[in-house]
Amino acid sequence: MSSTRKLTRLNPKLGKKTIYKLNSFPRTPVNTTKELFSRTELELVECCNFKVETARNIQKRAAKWIVPEFVSVLDMMTENNSPFLATSLKGLDEALSGGIPFSSITELVGPTRSGKTQLCLTLSMLTTLPETMGGLGGGVCYIDTERSFNADRLIVIAENRFPQYFGKDERGQANLDKMTSSIHKMDITSSKELTKRLDELQEFIIENDVKLLIVDSIGSLVRKEYQNPVKKCGWGGPLMERNDILLQQASKLKYLAESFRIPVVVTNQVITRNRSETVLPRECFRPIKKSREEGPEVTAALGNTWAHSVTTRIMMNKFHIRNLSNLKFTILNDLFPPNLQELTIVKSPIAANITIYYTIENEGIVEFVYSENIEKEDKRQQEEEIGPMEETDKSDAVPSQSLDKKKRKSDVAEWFISALWA
């Protein structure tokens, strides 16, 4: 057993006297479950004056507490409550089978101004909504490490997305006050403070009925404190210390997500590196073979240690149009908004690696459906080019219009497929 949960959390089950005797263990006190299982029954009997049955019973209760209960697939399929938080992005919710999954860590990765905080604010607002409106009807714990939380922006998103529920009348203002009072913001200034706060967050979650935990962002603190993690690398060096802190934070986030069955959303930054360069110097580890691919690569920060700790990773980035050598593609480029961005699921145990497109509007993150917008633009341009016609000429113009429309749609489909696979 490698769990390091404190035995003080088992007070109702073990009793204060039992825990006091374990904490008074000679030389090496027993404070965690890992220390408890490292002792034999004979050591517990001799040092704590326990009976053999009592010592065995203590270890059984602790083992039952830290080992998760099994769940059959039938129980998961017949479960009434949906274990997902809907994001209101139809394409993303369909790919993730309902939205942000419960009892796991979901990571939002992207550069500056990609909409990570905007999506976090939208999820916070959606969590506070009643269950009849697709929300969770609970509170939100928003841990802010970059001072990027904006309360005014949160109110603007709520009023524009649900104007009937957050209206200007008394009822709307009451709903708005309830929403803002349910979102609790915490400012963190160091990685050690974040680790300590996560360890003490259980009572806060219970008292405030927290249904969503957000950390924005998880990588800003350690990247500032360990700016050159590979410098003077070695066992016990900066890189190992940084990875140890990240593993502790990931373990605590997973424990909170699984224990309280809530979704945990964290944001992360990106780094740009050349594919041909080695990640670590040769003095530290075995040299990595150079890749044949050249050019910069945009990837998530914090390395593979943190990447294996998250369950779902979503990459957010600005949409770059490629393959514009043909003139018709340049003309079709005008049909897409200039603030178009793309969201890709790069890691998920239940979803494929799909990409959806979105824009940042007054109501927050809004999914962009290109087919509907192009069809509307086609109708508008056809009306401008053809103009008003007489009734006798309409029958003759219909076949040519339908052929032009089909050809334009085929051009759009060809352009979009080439842009995705470029």
Protein backbone atom coordinates (compact mmCIF):
# COMPACT_ATOMS: atom_id res chain seq x y z
CA MET A 1 0.00 0.00 0.00
CA SER A 2 1.49 3.35 -1.03
CA SER A 3 -1.36 5.61 0.10
CA THR A 4 -0.34 8.44 2.42
CA ARG A 5 -3.75 9.41 3.79
CA LYS A 6 -3.72 10.63 7.36
CA LEU A 7 -5.30 8.44 9.99
CA THR A 8 -6.99 11.45 11.59
CA ARG A 9 -9.57 11.25 8.81
CA LEU A 10 -10.66 7.88 10.25
CA ASN A 11 -11.60 9.21 13.69
CA PRO A 12 -15.24 8.01 13.60
CA LYS A 13 -14.12 4.52 12.55
CA LEU A 14 -10.94 3.94 14.56
CA GLY A 15 -11.57 6.13 17.58
CA LYS A 16 -9.48 8.86 19.15
CA LYS A 17 -7.78 6.56 21.65
CA THR A 18 -6.61 4.18 18.94
CA ILE A 19 -5.18 6.99 16.82
CA TYR A 20 -3.50 8.52 19.87
CA LYS A 21 -1.71 5.23 20.57
CA LEU A 22 -0.61 4.95 16.94
CA ASN A 23 0.65 8.54 16.95
CA SER A 24 2.61 7.76 20.13
CA PHE A 25 4.44 4.87 18.48
CA PRO A 26 8.03 4.74 19.83
CA ARG A 27 10.63 6.51 17.70
CA THR A 28 8.59 6.32 14.47
CA PRO A 29 4.96 7.37 15.07
CA VAL A 30 2.21 6.05 12.78
CA ASN A 31 0.39 9.01 11.20
CA THR A 32 -0.53 7.75 7.72
CA THR A 33 -1.90 4.57 6.19
CA LYS A 34 1.45 3.87 4.54
CA GLU A 35 3.17 3.85 7.93
CA LEU A 36 0.40 1.69 9.37
CA PHE A 37 0.80 -1.06 6.76
CA SER A 38 4.58 -0.99 7.13
CA ARG A 39 4.13 -2.31 10.70
CA THR A 40 3.41 -5.94 11.44
CA GLU A 41 0.65 -7.09 13.75
CA LEU A 42 3.27 -8.10 16.34
CA GLU A 43 4.74 -4.58 16.39
CA LEU A 44 1.30 -3.04 16.92
CA VAL A 45 0.57 -5.48 19.73
CA GLU A 46 3.86 -4.91 21.54
CA CYS A 47 4.17 -1.14 21.19
CA CYS A 48 0.52 -0.07 21.45
CA ASN A 49 -0.75 -2.78 23.84
CA PHE A 50 -3.33 -3.89 21.25
CA LYS A 51 -4.85 -7.32 21.11
CA VAL A 52 -4.12 -9.36 18.01
CA GLU A 53 -7.73 -9.04 16.84
CA THR A 54 -7.67 -5.28 17.44
CA ALA A 55 -4.48 -4.76 15.42
CA ARG A 56 -5.84 -6.90 12.61
CA ASN A 57 -9.15 -5.03 12.66
CA ILE A 58 -7.38 -1.64 12.44
CA GLN A 59 -5.49 -2.64 9.32
CA LYS A 60 -8.62 -4.10 7.73
CA ARG A 61 -10.59 -0.90 8.27
CA ALA A 62 -7.78 1.25 6.88
CA ALA A 63 -7.40 -1.04 3.86
CA LYS A 64 -11.13 -0.92 3.17
CA TRP A 65 -11.01 2.86 3.41
CA ILE A 66 -8.21 3.42 0.87
CA VAL A 67 -9.13 0.65 -1.61
CA PRO A 68 -11.87 1.81 -4.01
CA GLU A 69 -15.03 -0.27 -4.26
CA PHE A 70 -15.63 -2.20 -7.46
CA VAL A 71 -18.41 -1.16 -9.81
CA SER A 72 -19.83 -3.37 -12.54
CA VAL A 73 -20.43 -2.12 -16.06
CA LEU A 74 -24.15 -2.75 -15.62
CA ASP A 75 -24.23 -0.46 -12.59
CA MET A 76 -22.45 2.26 -14.57
CA MET A 77 -24.90 1.99 -17.47
CA THR A 78 -28.02 1.99 -15.28
CA GLU A 79 -26.83 4.89 -13.13
CA ASN A 80 -29.43 7.64 -12.96
CA ASN A 81 -27.16 10.63 -12.41
CA SER A 82 -25.04 11.62 -15.42
CA PRO A 83 -21.34 11.60 -14.41
CA PHE A 84 -20.56 14.56 -16.68
CA LEU A 85 -20.70 18.35 -16.60
CA ALA A 86 -22.14 19.68 -19.85
CA THR A 87 -19.98 22.41 -21.42
CA SER A 88 -22.76 23.73 -23.73
CA LEU A 89 -20.41 22.99 -26.68
CA LYS A 90 -22.41 20.39 -28.57
CA GLY A 91 -19.50 18.85 -30.43
CA LEU A 92 -17.34 18.55 -27.31
CA ASP A 93 -20.17 17.13 -25.19
CA GLU A 94 -20.99 14.50 -27.82
CA ALA A 95 -17.35 13.45 -28.11
CA LEU A 96 -16.91 13.16 -24.33
CA SER A 97 -20.24 11.30 -23.93
CA GLY A 98 -21.80 14.18 -22.00
CA GLY A 99 -19.15 16.75 -21.07
CA ILE A 100 -16.37 17.10 -18.50
CA PRO A 101 -16.13 13.72 -16.70
CA PHE A 102 -16.49 13.38 -12.94
CA SER A 103 -13.90 11.78 -10.64
CA SER A 104 -10.98 12.68 -12.90
CA ILE A 105 -8.67 15.53 -13.93
CA THR A 106 -9.40 17.42 -17.15
CA GLU A 107 -6.64 19.68 -18.45
CA LEU A 108 -7.10 22.69 -20.73
CA VAL A 109 -3.88 23.49 -22.60
CA GLY A 110 -3.35 26.54 -24.76
CA PRO A 111 -1.32 29.71 -25.35
CA THR A 112 -2.26 33.15 -24.14
CA ARG A 113 -5.66 34.45 -25.28
CA SER A 114 -6.80 31.01 -26.40
CA GLY A 115 -9.86 31.07 -24.11
CA LYS A 116 -8.81 28.81 -21.22
CA THR A 117 -9.98 31.19 -18.51
CA GLN A 118 -13.10 32.05 -20.53
CA LEU A 119 -14.04 28.37 -20.60
CA CYS A 120 -13.34 28.05 -16.87
CA LEU A 121 -15.65 30.99 -16.15
CA THR A 122 -18.33 29.44 -18.35
CA LEU A 123 -18.04 26.10 -16.56
CA SER A 124 -18.25 27.87 -13.20
CA MET A 125 -21.45 29.60 -14.20
CA LEU A 126 -22.96 26.38 -15.60
CA THR A 127 -22.16 24.49 -12.39
CA THR A 128 -24.20 26.88 -10.26
CA LEU A 129 -27.30 26.52 -12.44
CA PRO A 130 -30.11 24.23 -11.18
CA GLU A 131 -30.25 20.67 -12.49
CA THR A 132 -33.37 21.48 -14.51
CA MET A 133 -31.25 23.83 -16.65
CA GLY A 134 -28.40 21.34 -17.13
CA GLY A 135 -26.27 22.52 -14.21
CA LEU A 136 -25.17 20.82 -11.01
CA GLY A 137 -26.83 23.16 -8.50
CA GLY A 138 -23.71 23.46 -6.37
CA GLY A 139 -20.73 25.62 -5.57
CA VAL A 140 -17.39 26.14 -7.29
CA CYS A 141 -13.89 26.33 -5.82
CA TYR A 142 -11.80 28.48 -8.17
CA ILE A 143 -8.06 28.44 -7.32
CA ASP A 144 -6.41 31.36 -9.14
CA THR A 145 -2.62 31.40 -9.45
CA GLU A 146 -2.28 33.97 -12.26
CA ARG A 147 -4.74 36.64 -11.08
CA SER A 148 -6.75 36.08 -14.27
CA PHE A 149 -10.17 35.70 -12.65
CA ASN A 150 -12.52 38.55 -13.59
CA ALA A 151 -15.84 38.84 -11.75
CA ASP A 152 -17.23 41.40 -14.20
CA ARG A 153 -16.56 39.06 -17.12
CA LEU A 154 -18.33 36.25 -15.26
CA ILE A 155 -21.46 38.39 -14.87
CA VAL A 156 -21.38 39.41 -18.55
CA ILE A 157 -21.22 35.74 -19.60
CA ALA A 158 -24.13 34.81 -17.35
CA GLU A 159 -26.37 37.71 -18.46
CA ASN A 160 -25.73 37.13 -22.18
CA ARG A 161 -25.98 33.34 -22.14
CA PHE A 162 -29.12 33.11 -19.97
CA PRO A 163 -30.87 36.51 -20.22
CA GLN A 164 -34.19 35.08 -19.00
CA TYR A 165 -32.67 33.53 -15.87
CA PHE A 166 -30.23 36.38 -15.09
CA GLY A 167 -32.50 39.24 -16.11
CA LYS A 168 -32.71 42.83 -14.91
CA ASP A 169 -35.74 42.18 -12.71
CA GLU A 170 -35.66 41.26 -9.03
CA ARG A 171 -35.77 37.54 -9.71
CA GLY A 172 -32.89 37.77 -12.15
CA GLN A 173 -30.80 39.78 -9.71
CA ALA A 174 -31.52 37.22 -6.97
CA ASN A 175 -30.34 34.42 -9.27
CA LEU A 176 -27.25 36.44 -10.12
CA ASP A 177 -26.46 36.99 -6.43
CA LYS A 178 -26.91 33.28 -5.75
CA MET A 179 -24.58 32.42 -8.62
CA THR A 180 -21.82 34.80 -7.57
CA SER A 181 -22.04 33.75 -3.91
CA SER A 182 -21.62 30.09 -4.90
CA ILE A 183 -18.28 30.66 -6.68
CA HIS A 184 -15.41 30.84 -4.18
CA LYS A 185 -12.08 32.25 -5.41
CA MET A 186 -8.76 31.46 -3.73
CA ASP A 187 -5.49 33.23 -4.50
CA ILE A 188 -2.32 31.11 -4.34
CA THR A 189 1.19 32.53 -4.56
CA SER A 190 3.49 29.48 -4.34
CA SER A 191 3.48 25.80 -5.22
CA LYS A 192 3.95 24.77 -1.58
CA GLU A 193 0.95 26.88 -0.59
CA LEU A 194 -1.08 25.18 -3.33
CA THR A 195 -0.11 21.74 -2.04
CA LYS A 196 -1.05 22.70 1.50
CA ARG A 197 -4.37 24.23 0.42
CA LEU A 198 -5.32 21.10 -1.54
CA ASP A 199 -4.59 19.00 1.53
CA GLU A 200 -6.98 21.14 3.62
CA LEU A 201 -9.73 21.46 1.04
CA GLN A 202 -11.98 18.60 2.14
CA GLU A 203 -13.88 20.48 4.85
CA PHE A 204 -14.32 23.46 2.53
CA ILE A 205 -15.84 21.24 -0.17
CA ILE A 206 -18.30 19.71 2.27
CA GLU A 207 -19.32 22.98 3.92
CA ASN A 208 -19.90 24.87 0.65
CA ASP A 209 -21.34 21.97 -1.39
CA VAL A 210 -18.62 22.33 -4.03
CA LYS A 211 -19.42 20.48 -7.27
CA LEU A 212 -16.50 21.76 -9.38
CA LEU A 213 -12.82 22.39 -8.60
CA ILE A 214 -10.77 24.61 -10.94
CA VAL A 215 -7.04 25.35 -10.78
CA ASP A 216 -6.03 28.19 -13.13
CA SER A 217 -3.25 27.47 -13.76
CA ILE A 218 -1.38 24.43 -12.50
CA GLY A 219 1.93 25.21 -14.22
CA SER A 220 2.46 28.91 -13.62
CA LEU A 221 3.84 28.55 -10.09
CA VAL A 222 6.33 25.71 -10.62
CA ARG A 223 7.55 27.25 -13.88
CA LYS A 224 8.37 30.48 -12.05
CA GLU A 225 10.02 28.74 -9.10
CA TYR A 226 11.93 26.27 -11.30
CA GLN A 227 12.76 28.29 -14.39
CA ASN A 228 15.66 26.03 -15.43
CA PRO A 229 14.70 22.56 -14.22
CA VAL A 230 17.35 20.77 -16.34
CA LYS A 231 20.23 22.95 -15.16
CA LYS A 232 22.58 21.05 -12.84
CA CYS A 233 20.32 18.07 -13.23
CA GLY A 234 20.74 14.95 -11.15
CA TRP A 235 19.04 12.87 -8.53
CA GLY A 236 17.57 15.30 -6.05
CA GLY A 237 18.08 18.25 -8.41
CA PRO A 238 15.55 20.92 -9.46
CA LEU A 239 13.86 18.68 -12.00
CA MET A 240 13.24 15.90 -9.51
CA GLU A 241 12.01 18.37 -6.92
CA ARG A 242 9.59 19.95 -9.41
CA ASN A 243 8.26 16.56 -10.49
CA ASP A 244 7.79 15.55 -6.87
CA ILE A 245 5.67 18.64 -6.21
CA LEU A 246 3.59 18.01 -9.33
CA LEU A 247 3.01 14.40 -8.35
CA GLN A 248 1.86 15.46 -4.88
CA GLN A 249 -0.58 17.98 -6.34
CA ALA A 250 -1.89 15.48 -8.88
CA SER A 251 -2.40 12.88 -6.17
CA LYS A 252 -4.37 15.30 -4.01
CA LEU A 253 -6.49 16.46 -6.96
CA LYS A 254 -7.30 12.87 -7.88
CA TYR A 255 -8.22 12.08 -4.29
CA LEU A 256 -10.61 15.05 -4.12
CA ALA A 257 -12.16 14.17 -7.49
CA GLU A 258 -12.70 10.52 -6.60
CA SER A 259 -13.75 11.01 -2.96
CA PHE A 260 -16.35 13.70 -3.63
CA ARG A 261 -17.18 12.55 -7.19
CA ILE A 262 -16.68 15.97 -8.74
CA PRO A 263 -14.96 17.14 -11.94
CA VAL A 264 -11.54 18.75 -11.56
CA VAL A 265 -10.45 21.18 -14.30
CA VAL A 266 -6.91 22.56 -14.50
CA THR A 267 -5.31 24.85 -17.06
CA ASN A 268 -1.78 24.56 -18.35
CA GLN A 269 0.54 26.61 -20.51
CA VAL A 270 2.37 25.59 -23.70
CA ILE A 271 6.00 25.50 -24.72
CA THR A 272 7.59 25.59 -28.17
CA ARG A 273 10.55 23.40 -28.94
CA ASN A 274 12.28 21.94 -31.98
CA ARG A 275 11.56 18.31 -32.70
CA SER A 276 15.21 17.70 -33.53
CA GLU A 277 16.46 18.90 -30.14
CA THR A 278 16.95 16.61 -27.16
CA VAL A 279 14.75 17.28 -24.16
CA LEU A 280 17.41 16.74 -21.48
CA PRO A 281 21.21 17.10 -21.49
CA ARG A 282 23.34 13.99 -21.67
CA GLU A 283 24.70 14.51 -18.17
CA CYS A 284 21.30 13.73 -16.66
CA PHE A 285 19.79 10.82 -18.53
CA ARG A 286 20.35 8.66 -21.55
CA PRO A 287 20.40 10.84 -24.70
CA ILE A 288 17.23 10.84 -26.76
CA LYS A 289 17.45 10.06 -30.47
CA LYS A 290 16.83 12.98 -32.76
CA SER A 291 13.61 12.93 -34.72
CA ARG A 292 13.55 13.10 -38.48
CA GLU A 293 10.86 15.77 -38.37
CA GLU A 294 12.10 19.34 -38.30
CA GLY A 295 10.42 22.56 -37.22
CA PRO A 296 8.94 23.85 -33.96
CA GLU A 297 6.41 21.83 -31.99
CA VAL A 298 3.82 23.35 -29.65
CA THR A 299 3.14 21.06 -26.73
CA ALA A 300 1.92 21.24 -23.14
CA ALA A 301 4.28 22.37 -20.41
CA LEU A 302 5.42 20.38 -17.33
CA GLY A 303 6.63 17.34 -19.28
CA ASN A 304 5.61 13.68 -19.29
CA THR A 305 5.41 13.37 -15.50
CA TRP A 306 2.42 15.64 -15.37
CA ALA A 307 0.98 14.39 -18.68
CA HIS A 308 0.49 10.90 -17.22
CA SER A 309 -1.35 12.36 -14.23
CA VAL A 310 -4.25 13.88 -16.16
CA THR A 311 -7.10 11.78 -17.55
CA THR A 312 -8.37 14.11 -20.28
CA ARG A 313 -6.32 16.72 -22.13
CA ILE A 314 -7.91 19.35 -24.37
CA MET A 315 -5.73 21.55 -26.57
CA MET A 316 -7.00 25.06 -27.40
CA ASN A 317 -5.33 27.18 -30.06
CA LYS A 318 -5.99 29.81 -32.72
CA PHE A 319 -7.23 28.45 -36.05
CA HIS A 320 -4.64 28.88 -38.82
CA ILE A 321 -5.92 28.54 -42.39
CA ARG A 322 -3.53 26.63 -44.65
CA ASN A 323 -3.33 25.77 -48.35
CA LEU A 324 -4.42 29.16 -49.68
CA SER A 325 -2.59 28.81 -52.99
CA ASN A 326 -5.86 28.62 -54.91
CA LEU A 327 -7.90 31.79 -55.33
CA LYS A 328 -11.20 30.13 -54.48
CA PHE A 329 -9.88 29.19 -51.03
CA THR A 330 -8.93 32.83 -50.42
CA ILE A 331 -12.47 33.87 -51.29
CA LEU A 332 -13.93 31.24 -48.94
CA ASN A 333 -11.68 32.54 -46.19
CA ASP A 334 -13.93 35.60 -45.89
CA LEU A 335 -16.78 33.35 -44.68
CA PHE A 336 -14.98 32.49 -41.43
CA PRO A 337 -14.72 34.91 -38.48
CA PRO A 338 -11.28 36.38 -37.74
CA ASN A 339 -11.40 35.20 -34.10
CA LEU A 340 -12.01 31.55 -35.02
CA GLN A 341 -10.17 29.09 -32.78
CA GLU A 342 -9.93 25.31 -32.58
CA LEU A 343 -10.30 22.88 -29.71
CA THR A 344 -8.83 19.37 -29.99
CA ILE A 345 -9.14 16.37 -27.68
CA VAL A 346 -5.60 14.99 -27.62
CA LYS A 347 -5.99 12.57 -24.71
CA SER A 348 -9.11 10.86 -23.41
CA PRO A 349 -10.05 7.29 -22.42
CA ILE A 350 -13.55 7.66 -23.87
CA ALA A 351 -13.24 10.05 -26.83
CA ALA A 352 -11.49 10.13 -30.19
CA ASN A 353 -9.06 12.86 -31.21
CA ILE A 354 -11.60 15.20 -32.75
CA THR A 355 -11.44 18.95 -33.38
CA ILE A 356 -14.22 21.48 -33.00
CA TYR A 357 -14.18 25.21 -33.70
CA TYR A 358 -15.29 28.03 -31.44
CA THR A 359 -15.26 31.78 -30.96
CA ILE A 360 -15.11 33.95 -27.85
CA GLU A 361 -18.22 36.11 -27.63
CA ASN A 362 -20.05 38.07 -24.93
CA GLU A 363 -21.74 34.84 -23.81
CA GLY A 364 -18.38 33.08 -23.42
CA ILE A 365 -17.16 30.19 -25.52
CA VAL A 366 -19.51 29.61 -28.48
CA GLU A 367 -19.16 26.69 -30.89
CA PHE A 368 -18.77 27.64 -34.55
CA VAL A 369 -20.73 25.48 -37.00
CA TYR A 370 -19.22 26.25 -40.41
CA SER A 371 -21.90 24.56 -42.55
CA GLU A 372 -24.75 26.76 -41.35
CA ASN A 373 -22.76 29.98 -41.69
CA ILE A 374 -21.57 29.13 -45.18
CA GLU A 375 -25.10 28.24 -46.31
CA LYS A 376 -26.43 31.57 -45.05
CA GLU A 377 -23.59 33.43 -46.76
CA ASP A 378 -24.31 31.57 -50.00
CA LYS A 379 -27.95 32.66 -49.95
CA ARG A 380 -27.00 36.26 -49.26
CA GLN A 381 -24.42 36.40 -52.06
CA GLN A 382 -26.79 34.78 -54.54
CA GLU A 383 -29.47 37.34 -53.75
CA GLU A 384 -26.98 40.18 -54.28
CA GLU A 385 -25.65 38.78 -57.58
CA ILE A 386 -28.95 37.68 -59.14
CA GLY A 387 -31.20 40.40 -57.77
CA PRO A 388 -34.98 40.52 -58.23
CA MET A 389 -36.30 38.45 -61.14
CA GLU A 390 -39.60 38.18 -62.83
CA GLU A 391 -41.84 35.18 -62.26
CA THR A 392 -41.29 33.89 -65.80
CA ASP A 393 -37.52 33.86 -65.35
CA LYS A 394 -37.46 32.07 -61.96
CA SER A 395 -38.18 28.64 -63.41
CA ASP A 396 -35.28 28.99 -65.84
CA ALA A 397 -32.87 30.23 -63.16
CA VAL A 398 -33.54 27.50 -60.58
CA PRO A 399 -31.46 24.72 -62.25
CA SER A 400 -28.40 26.94 -62.69
CA GLN A 401 -28.66 28.24 -59.10
CA SER A 402 -28.86 24.73 -57.67
CA LEU A 403 -25.82 23.63 -59.72
CA ASP A 404 -23.79 26.65 -58.58
CA LYS A 405 -24.77 25.99 -54.97
CA LYS A 406 -23.77 22.31 -55.16
CA LYS A 407 -20.46 23.24 -56.77
CA ARG A 408 -19.77 25.83 -54.08
CA LYS A 409 -20.57 23.36 -51.30
CA SER A 410 -18.22 20.79 -52.86
CA ASP A 411 -15.48 23.45 -53.01
CA VAL A 412 -16.04 24.26 -49.33
CA ALA A 413 -15.91 20.58 -48.38
CA GLU A 414 -12.72 20.09 -50.40
CA TRP A 415 -11.10 23.14 -48.79
CA PHE A 416 -12.09 22.12 -45.28
CA ILE A 417 -10.79 18.57 -45.66
CA SER A 418 -7.48 19.83 -47.08
CA ALA A 419 -7.16 22.34 -44.21
CA LEU A 420 -7.72 19.65 -41.56
CA TRP A 421 -5.27 17.16 -43.03
CA ALA A 422 -2.59 19.70 -43.81
